[in-house]
C-alpha atoms as a PDB file:
ATOM      1  CA  MET A   1      11.772  17.835  -2.384  1.00  0.00           C
ATOM      2  CA  ASN A   2      13.465  17.327  -5.732  1.00  0.00           C
ATOM      3  CA  SER A   3      11.076  17.596  -8.522  1.00  0.00           C
ATOM      4  CA  PRO A   4      10.318  19.410 -11.797  1.00  0.00           C
ATOM      5  CA  ARG A   5       9.034  22.966 -11.916  1.00  0.00           C
ATOM      6  CA  ILE A   6       5.917  23.559  -9.648  1.00  0.00           C
ATOM      7  CA  THR A   7       3.227  25.570 -11.417  1.00  0.00           C
ATOM      8  CA  HIS A   8       0.800  26.090  -8.444  1.00  0.00           C
ATOM      9  CA  ILE A   9      -0.047  29.743  -8.258  1.00  0.00           C
ATOM     10  CA  ARG A  10       0.788  29.992  -4.633  1.00  0.00           C
ATOM     11  CA  ALA A  11       4.091  28.031  -4.742  1.00  0.00           C
ATOM     12  CA  PRO A  12       6.390  31.128  -4.792  1.00  0.00           C
ATOM     13  CA  GLN A  13       4.787  32.560  -1.602  1.00  0.00           C
ATOM     14  CA  ILE A  14       4.744  29.226   0.179  1.00  0.00           C
ATOM     15  CA  ILE A  15       8.310  28.397  -0.745  1.00  0.00           C
ATOM     16  CA  ARG A  16       9.440  31.884   0.207  1.00  0.00           C
ATOM     17  CA  ALA A  17       7.800  31.314   3.653  1.00  0.00           C
ATOM     18  CA  GLY A  18      10.084  28.256   4.225  1.00  0.00           C
ATOM     19  CA  VAL A  19       7.339  25.680   4.465  1.00  0.00           C
ATOM     20  CA  PHE A  20       9.565  23.125   2.549  1.00  0.00           C
ATOM     21  CA  ASP A  21      12.951  24.007   4.276  1.00  0.00           C
ATOM     22  CA  ASN A  22      14.658  21.147   6.087  1.00  0.00           C
ATOM     23  CA  ILE A  23      11.940  18.422   5.423  1.00  0.00           C
ATOM     24  CA  THR A  24      13.031  15.077   6.401  1.00  0.00           C
ATOM     25  CA  SER A  25       9.702  13.353   7.022  1.00  0.00           C
ATOM     26  CA  LEU A  26       5.902  13.690   6.464  1.00  0.00           C
ATOM     27  CA  ASN A  27       5.664  14.663  10.211  1.00  0.00           C
ATOM     28  CA  VAL A  28       8.044  17.692   9.708  1.00  0.00           C
ATOM     29  CA  LEU A  29       6.039  18.565   6.560  1.00  0.00           C
ATOM     30  CA  ALA A  30       2.785  18.600   8.478  1.00  0.00           C
ATOM     31  CA  PHE A  31       4.192  20.595  11.327  1.00  0.00           C
ATOM     32  CA  ASN A  32       5.502  23.273   8.824  1.00  0.00           C
ATOM     33  CA  ILE A  33       2.234  23.346   6.978  1.00  0.00           C
ATOM     34  CA  ILE A  34       0.219  23.820  10.299  1.00  0.00           C
ATOM     35  CA  LYS A  35       2.874  26.587  11.371  1.00  0.00           C
ATOM     36  CA  TYR A  36       2.350  28.234   7.845  1.00  0.00           C
ATOM     37  CA  GLY A  37      -1.442  28.113   8.352  1.00  0.00           C
ATOM     38  CA  GLN A  38      -1.136  29.766  11.675  1.00  0.00           C
ATOM     39  CA  ASP A  39       1.302  32.529  10.674  1.00  0.00           C
ATOM     40  CA  ALA A  40      -0.761  35.682  10.095  1.00  0.00           C
ATOM     41  CA  SER A  41       2.194  37.830   9.058  1.00  0.00           C
ATOM     42  CA  ASP A  42       1.228  37.876   5.361  1.00  0.00           C
ATOM     43  CA  VAL A  43      -2.110  36.462   5.406  1.00  0.00           C
ATOM     44  CA  GLY A  44      -4.276  39.247   4.281  1.00  0.00           C
ATOM     45  CA  ASP A  45      -7.770  37.598   3.702  1.00  0.00           C
ATOM     46  CA  ASP A  46      -6.493  34.151   3.485  1.00  0.00           C
ATOM     47  CA  THR A  47      -7.818  31.693   6.050  1.00  0.00           C
ATOM     48  CA  TYR A  48      -5.961  28.905   7.939  1.00  0.00           C
ATOM     49  CA  ALA A  49      -7.866  26.274   5.851  1.00  0.00           C
ATOM     50  CA  ASN A  50      -6.854  28.112   2.548  1.00  0.00           C
ATOM     51  CA  ARG A  51      -3.224  28.418   3.510  1.00  0.00           C
ATOM     52  CA  VAL A  52      -2.775  24.770   4.682  1.00  0.00           C
ATOM     53  CA  GLY A  53      -4.698  23.583   1.620  1.00  0.00           C
ATOM     54  CA  TRP A  54      -2.476  25.454  -0.726  1.00  0.00           C
ATOM     55  CA  ALA A  55       0.729  24.388   0.908  1.00  0.00           C
ATOM     56  CA  TYR A  56      -0.308  20.709   0.806  1.00  0.00           C
ATOM     57  CA  GLU A  57      -1.398  21.235  -2.759  1.00  0.00           C
ATOM     58  CA  VAL A  58       2.183  22.389  -3.743  1.00  0.00           C
ATOM     59  CA  TYR A  59       3.551  19.267  -1.911  1.00  0.00           C
ATOM     60  CA  ALA A  60       1.139  17.157  -3.888  1.00  0.00           C
ATOM     61  CA  GLU A  61       2.225  18.549  -7.092  1.00  0.00           C
ATOM     62  CA  SER A  62       5.878  18.177  -6.231  1.00  0.00           C
ATOM     63  CA  PHE A  63       5.137  14.521  -5.176  1.00  0.00           C
ATOM     64  CA  MET A  64       3.249  13.619  -8.334  1.00  0.00           C
ATOM     65  CA  LYS A  65       5.756  15.312 -10.569  1.00  0.00           C
ATOM     66  CA  HIS A  66       8.615  13.589  -8.782  1.00  0.00           C
ATOM     67  CA  GLY A  67       7.135  10.246  -9.570  1.00  0.00           C
ATOM     68  CA  LEU A  68       7.104  11.022 -13.261  1.00  0.00           C
ATOM     69  CA  LYS A  69      10.832  10.373 -13.200  1.00  0.00           C
ATOM     70  CA  GLY A  70      10.943   6.806 -12.290  1.00  0.00           C
ATOM     71  CA  HIS A  71       8.019   5.409 -10.264  1.00  0.00           C
ATOM     72  CA  PRO A  72       4.759   6.779 -11.704  1.00  0.00           C
ATOM     73  CA  THR A  73       2.552   7.752  -8.938  1.00  0.00           C
ATOM     74  CA  PHE A  74      -0.785   5.959  -9.473  1.00  0.00           C
ATOM     75  CA  GLY A  75       0.292   5.263 -13.059  1.00  0.00           C
ATOM     76  CA  ILE A  76       0.405   8.814 -14.337  1.00  0.00           C
ATOM     77  CA  THR A  77       2.462  10.115 -17.173  1.00  0.00           C
ATOM     78  CA  SER A  78       1.580  13.904 -16.696  1.00  0.00           C
ATOM     79  CA  VAL A  79      -0.116  16.051 -14.253  1.00  0.00           C
ATOM     80  CA  GLN A  80      -1.622  19.567 -14.506  1.00  0.00           C
ATOM     81  CA  GLY A  81      -2.739  21.757 -11.753  1.00  0.00           C
ATOM     82  CA  THR A  82      -5.983  23.827 -11.683  1.00  0.00           C
ATOM     83  CA  SER A  83      -4.751  26.645  -9.369  1.00  0.00           C
ATOM     84  CA  GLN A  84      -4.317  28.979 -12.234  1.00  0.00           C
ATOM     85  CA  THR A  85      -8.155  28.858 -12.604  1.00  0.00           C
ATOM     86  CA  PRO A  86      -9.502  30.530  -9.544  1.00  0.00           C
ATOM     87  CA  TYR A  87     -13.117  29.418 -10.019  1.00  0.00           C
ATOM     88  CA  GLN A  88     -12.215  25.752 -10.667  1.00  0.00           C
ATOM     89  CA  GLY A  89     -13.598  23.914  -7.713  1.00  0.00           C
ATOM     90  CA  GLY A  90     -13.919  20.158  -6.996  1.00  0.00           C
ATOM     91  CA  PHE A  91     -10.563  18.938  -8.104  1.00  0.00           C
ATOM     92  CA  ASP A  92      -7.045  20.234  -7.803  1.00  0.00           C
ATOM     93  CA  PHE A  93      -5.217  18.341 -10.503  1.00  0.00           C
ATOM     94  CA  THR A  94      -5.839  16.489 -13.803  1.00  0.00           C
ATOM     95  CA  TYR A  95      -3.558  13.667 -14.887  1.00  0.00           C
ATOM     96  CA  HIS A  96      -3.136  11.280 -17.737  1.00  0.00           C
ATOM     97  CA  ASP A  97      -2.282   7.511 -17.113  1.00  0.00           C
ATOM     98  CA  VAL A  98      -0.109   5.186 -19.199  1.00  0.00           C
ATOM     99  CA  ASP A  99      -3.080   4.500 -21.519  1.00  0.00           C
ATOM    100  CA  ASP A 100      -3.762   8.376 -21.877  1.00  0.00           C
ATOM    101  CA  ASN A 101      -6.848   8.264 -19.815  1.00  0.00           C
ATOM    102  CA  LEU A 102      -7.959  11.337 -17.892  1.00  0.00           C
ATOM    103  CA  GLY A 103      -7.898  11.195 -14.095  1.00  0.00           C
ATOM    104  CA  LEU A 104      -8.639  13.702 -11.373  1.00  0.00           C
ATOM    105  CA  VAL A 105      -6.932  14.428  -8.079  1.00  0.00           C
ATOM    106  CA  GLN A 106      -8.506  16.074  -5.071  1.00  0.00           C
ATOM    107  CA  VAL A 107      -6.065  17.233  -2.421  1.00  0.00           C
ATOM    108  CA  LYS A 108      -7.095  17.496   1.189  1.00  0.00           C
ATOM    109  CA  PHE A 109      -4.938  18.319   4.315  1.00  0.00           C
ATOM    110  CA  ARG A 110      -6.168  17.866   7.774  1.00  0.00           C
ATOM    111  CA  SER A 111      -4.462  19.030  10.860  1.00  0.00           C
ATOM    112  CA  ASN A 112      -6.423  16.478  13.014  1.00  0.00           C
ATOM    113  CA  PRO A 113      -5.144  13.004  12.112  1.00  0.00           C
ATOM    114  CA  LEU A 114      -8.446  11.478  13.289  1.00  0.00           C
ATOM    115  CA  ASP A 115     -10.570  13.773  11.016  1.00  0.00           C
ATOM    116  CA  THR A 116     -12.921  12.119   8.301  1.00  0.00           C
ATOM    117  CA  PHE A 117     -14.278  13.350   5.062  1.00  0.00           C
ATOM    118  CA  THR A 118     -17.905  13.827   4.462  1.00  0.00           C
ATOM    119  CA  ARG A 119     -20.026  13.367   1.374  1.00  0.00           C
ATOM    120  CA  HIS A 120     -20.480  17.181   1.339  1.00  0.00           C
ATOM    121  CA  GLU A 121     -16.688  17.830   1.307  1.00  0.00           C
ATOM    122  CA  LEU A 122     -16.063  15.483  -1.545  1.00  0.00           C
ATOM    123  CA  GLY A 123     -19.442  15.758  -3.513  1.00  0.00           C
ATOM    124  CA  THR A 124     -18.227  18.243  -5.914  1.00  0.00           C
ATOM    125  CA  PHE A 125     -15.230  16.148  -6.789  1.00  0.00           C
ATOM    126  CA  VAL A 126     -17.309  13.153  -7.482  1.00  0.00           C
ATOM    127  CA  SER A 127     -19.870  15.203  -9.559  1.00  0.00           C
ATOM    128  CA  TRP A 128     -17.153  16.645 -11.669  1.00  0.00           C
ATOM    129  CA  ALA A 129     -15.661  13.225 -12.223  1.00  0.00           C
ATOM    130  CA  ASP A 130     -19.016  11.815 -13.286  1.00  0.00           C
ATOM    131  CA  GLU A 131     -19.547  14.836 -15.690  1.00  0.00           C
ATOM    132  CA  LEU A 132     -16.198  14.173 -17.182  1.00  0.00           C
ATOM    133  CA  GLY A 133     -16.606  10.479 -17.461  1.00  0.00           C
ATOM    134  CA  VAL A 134     -13.754   9.768 -15.065  1.00  0.00           C
ATOM    135  CA  PRO A 135     -14.418   6.388 -13.269  1.00  0.00           C
ATOM    136  CA  ALA A 136     -13.724   5.790  -9.566  1.00  0.00           C
ATOM    137  CA  SER A 137     -10.432   3.969 -10.389  1.00  0.00           C
ATOM    138  CA  ARG A 138      -9.099   7.258 -11.816  1.00  0.00           C
ATOM    139  CA  ARG A 139     -10.440   9.594  -9.098  1.00  0.00           C
ATOM    140  CA  VAL A 140      -7.689  10.166  -6.527  1.00  0.00           C
ATOM    141  CA  LEU A 141      -8.085  11.656  -2.958  1.00  0.00           C
ATOM    142  CA  PHE A 142      -4.553  12.733  -2.146  1.00  0.00           C
ATOM    143  CA  THR A 143      -4.510  13.216   1.688  1.00  0.00           C
ATOM    144  CA  ASN A 144      -2.075  13.451   4.678  1.00  0.00           C
ATOM    145  CA  LEU A 145      -4.362  11.127   6.610  1.00  0.00           C
ATOM    146  CA  LYS A 146      -3.825   7.458   7.137  1.00  0.00           C
ATOM    147  CA  HIS A 147      -6.571   5.498   5.468  1.00  0.00           C
ATOM    148  CA  VAL A 148      -7.048   2.076   7.113  1.00  0.00           C
ATOM    149  CA  PRO A 149     -10.672   0.875   6.573  1.00  0.00           C
ATOM    150  CA  CYS A 150     -11.600  -2.218   8.674  1.00  0.00           C
ATOM    151  CA  ASP A 151     -14.685  -4.139   9.572  1.00  0.00           C
ATOM    152  CA  GLY A 152     -16.900  -2.072   7.409  1.00  0.00           C
ATOM    153  CA  ALA A 153     -15.633   1.175   8.836  1.00  0.00           C
ATOM    154  CA  GLY A 154     -14.961   3.784   6.360  1.00  0.00           C
ATOM    155  CA  GLY A 155     -11.379   4.698   7.363  1.00  0.00           C
ATOM    156  CA  ILE A 156     -10.928   8.428   6.516  1.00  0.00           C
ATOM    157  CA  PHE A 157     -14.582   8.596   5.237  1.00  0.00           C
ATOM    158  CA  HIS A 158     -17.096   9.735   7.886  1.00  0.00           C
ATOM    159  CA  GLY A 159     -19.664   7.109   8.855  1.00  0.00           C
ATOM    160  CA  SER A 160     -22.316   8.806   6.904  1.00  0.00           C
ATOM    161  CA  TYR A 161     -20.135   8.528   3.855  1.00  0.00           C
ATOM    162  CA  ALA A 162     -18.627   5.038   4.145  1.00  0.00           C
ATOM    163  CA  SER A 163     -19.278   4.408   0.428  1.00  0.00           C
ATOM    164  CA  GLY A 164     -16.794   7.095  -0.263  1.00  0.00           C
ATOM    165  CA  GLU A 165     -14.148   4.561  -0.736  1.00  0.00           C
ATOM    166  CA  LYS A 166     -16.181   3.066  -3.879  1.00  0.00           C
ATOM    167  CA  GLN A 167     -16.131   6.532  -5.313  1.00  0.00           C
ATOM    168  CA  MET A 168     -12.318   7.178  -5.371  1.00  0.00           C
ATOM    169  CA  ARG A 169      -8.971   5.804  -4.770  1.00  0.00           C
ATOM    170  CA  VAL A 170      -7.230   7.007  -1.555  1.00  0.00           C
ATOM    171  CA  PHE A 171      -3.594   7.997  -1.843  1.00  0.00           C
ATOM    172  CA  GLY A 172      -2.817   8.760   1.794  1.00  0.00           C
ATOM    173  CA  ARG A 173       0.105   8.901   4.239  1.00  0.00           C
ATOM    174  CA  ILE A 174       0.714   5.165   4.149  1.00  0.00           C
ATOM    175  CA  GLU A 175       1.065   5.065   0.273  1.00  0.00           C
ATOM    176  CA  GLN A 176       3.203   8.272   0.290  1.00  0.00           C
ATOM    177  CA  GLU A 177       5.496   6.836   2.924  1.00  0.00           C
ATOM    178  CA  ALA A 178       5.954   3.654   0.988  1.00  0.00           C
ATOM    179  CA  ILE A 179       7.301   5.583  -2.019  1.00  0.00           C
ATOM    180  CA  ILE A 180       9.333   8.055   0.018  1.00  0.00           C
ATOM    181  CA  ASP A 181      11.009   5.267   1.959  1.00  0.00           C
ATOM    182  CA  ARG A 182      12.137   3.551  -1.143  1.00  0.00           C
ATOM    183  CA  ASP A 183      13.573   6.828  -2.652  1.00  0.00           C
ATOM    184  CA  PRO A 184      16.693   8.252  -0.807  1.00  0.00           C
ATOM    185  CA  LYS A 185      16.482  11.331  -3.102  1.00  0.00           C
ATOM    186  CA  PHE A 186      12.985  12.299  -2.281  1.00  0.00           C
ATOM    187  CA  TRP A 187      13.950  14.832   0.448  1.00  0.00           C
ATOM    188  CA  PRO A 188      16.835  16.908  -0.361  1.00  0.00           C
END
């Protein structure tokens, strides 16, 4: 991925592990992230969920910063990660849009492409956004899942949280591929 400097606190470790080597598609990226999550050689106390989450956050930061150069992803003009603050829960990035309004991004990776998100998993994100006065239009769930809601179904939102789509914008695999496919320089 060709992008500006990545500031995620785990980026050096993840890049050294080769997670982003020879990436040519989102399928290869997901495979590498899952493999990194399963590799226990330098895990310490890190769990599979932490490792895949951090790796996907590094990709998300790169993706958003890459967009700053020509096709602003969801209208952002700047993006800042929260990984430097270990107790910051609920959102992974803040951004400012073209009108300098604050927005929040929550990054979620799932190994199972049929997985769904519950109110419990995204409740802190929505709560923080409410406290900071960030409306649903500037709350972004950045995920590797394909979000295709139809006939009242919630897409990537669990049936008990079908209203999740009203609480945030989803920037999933379909939206990412649309940008990547138009940018021949996205993958090195």
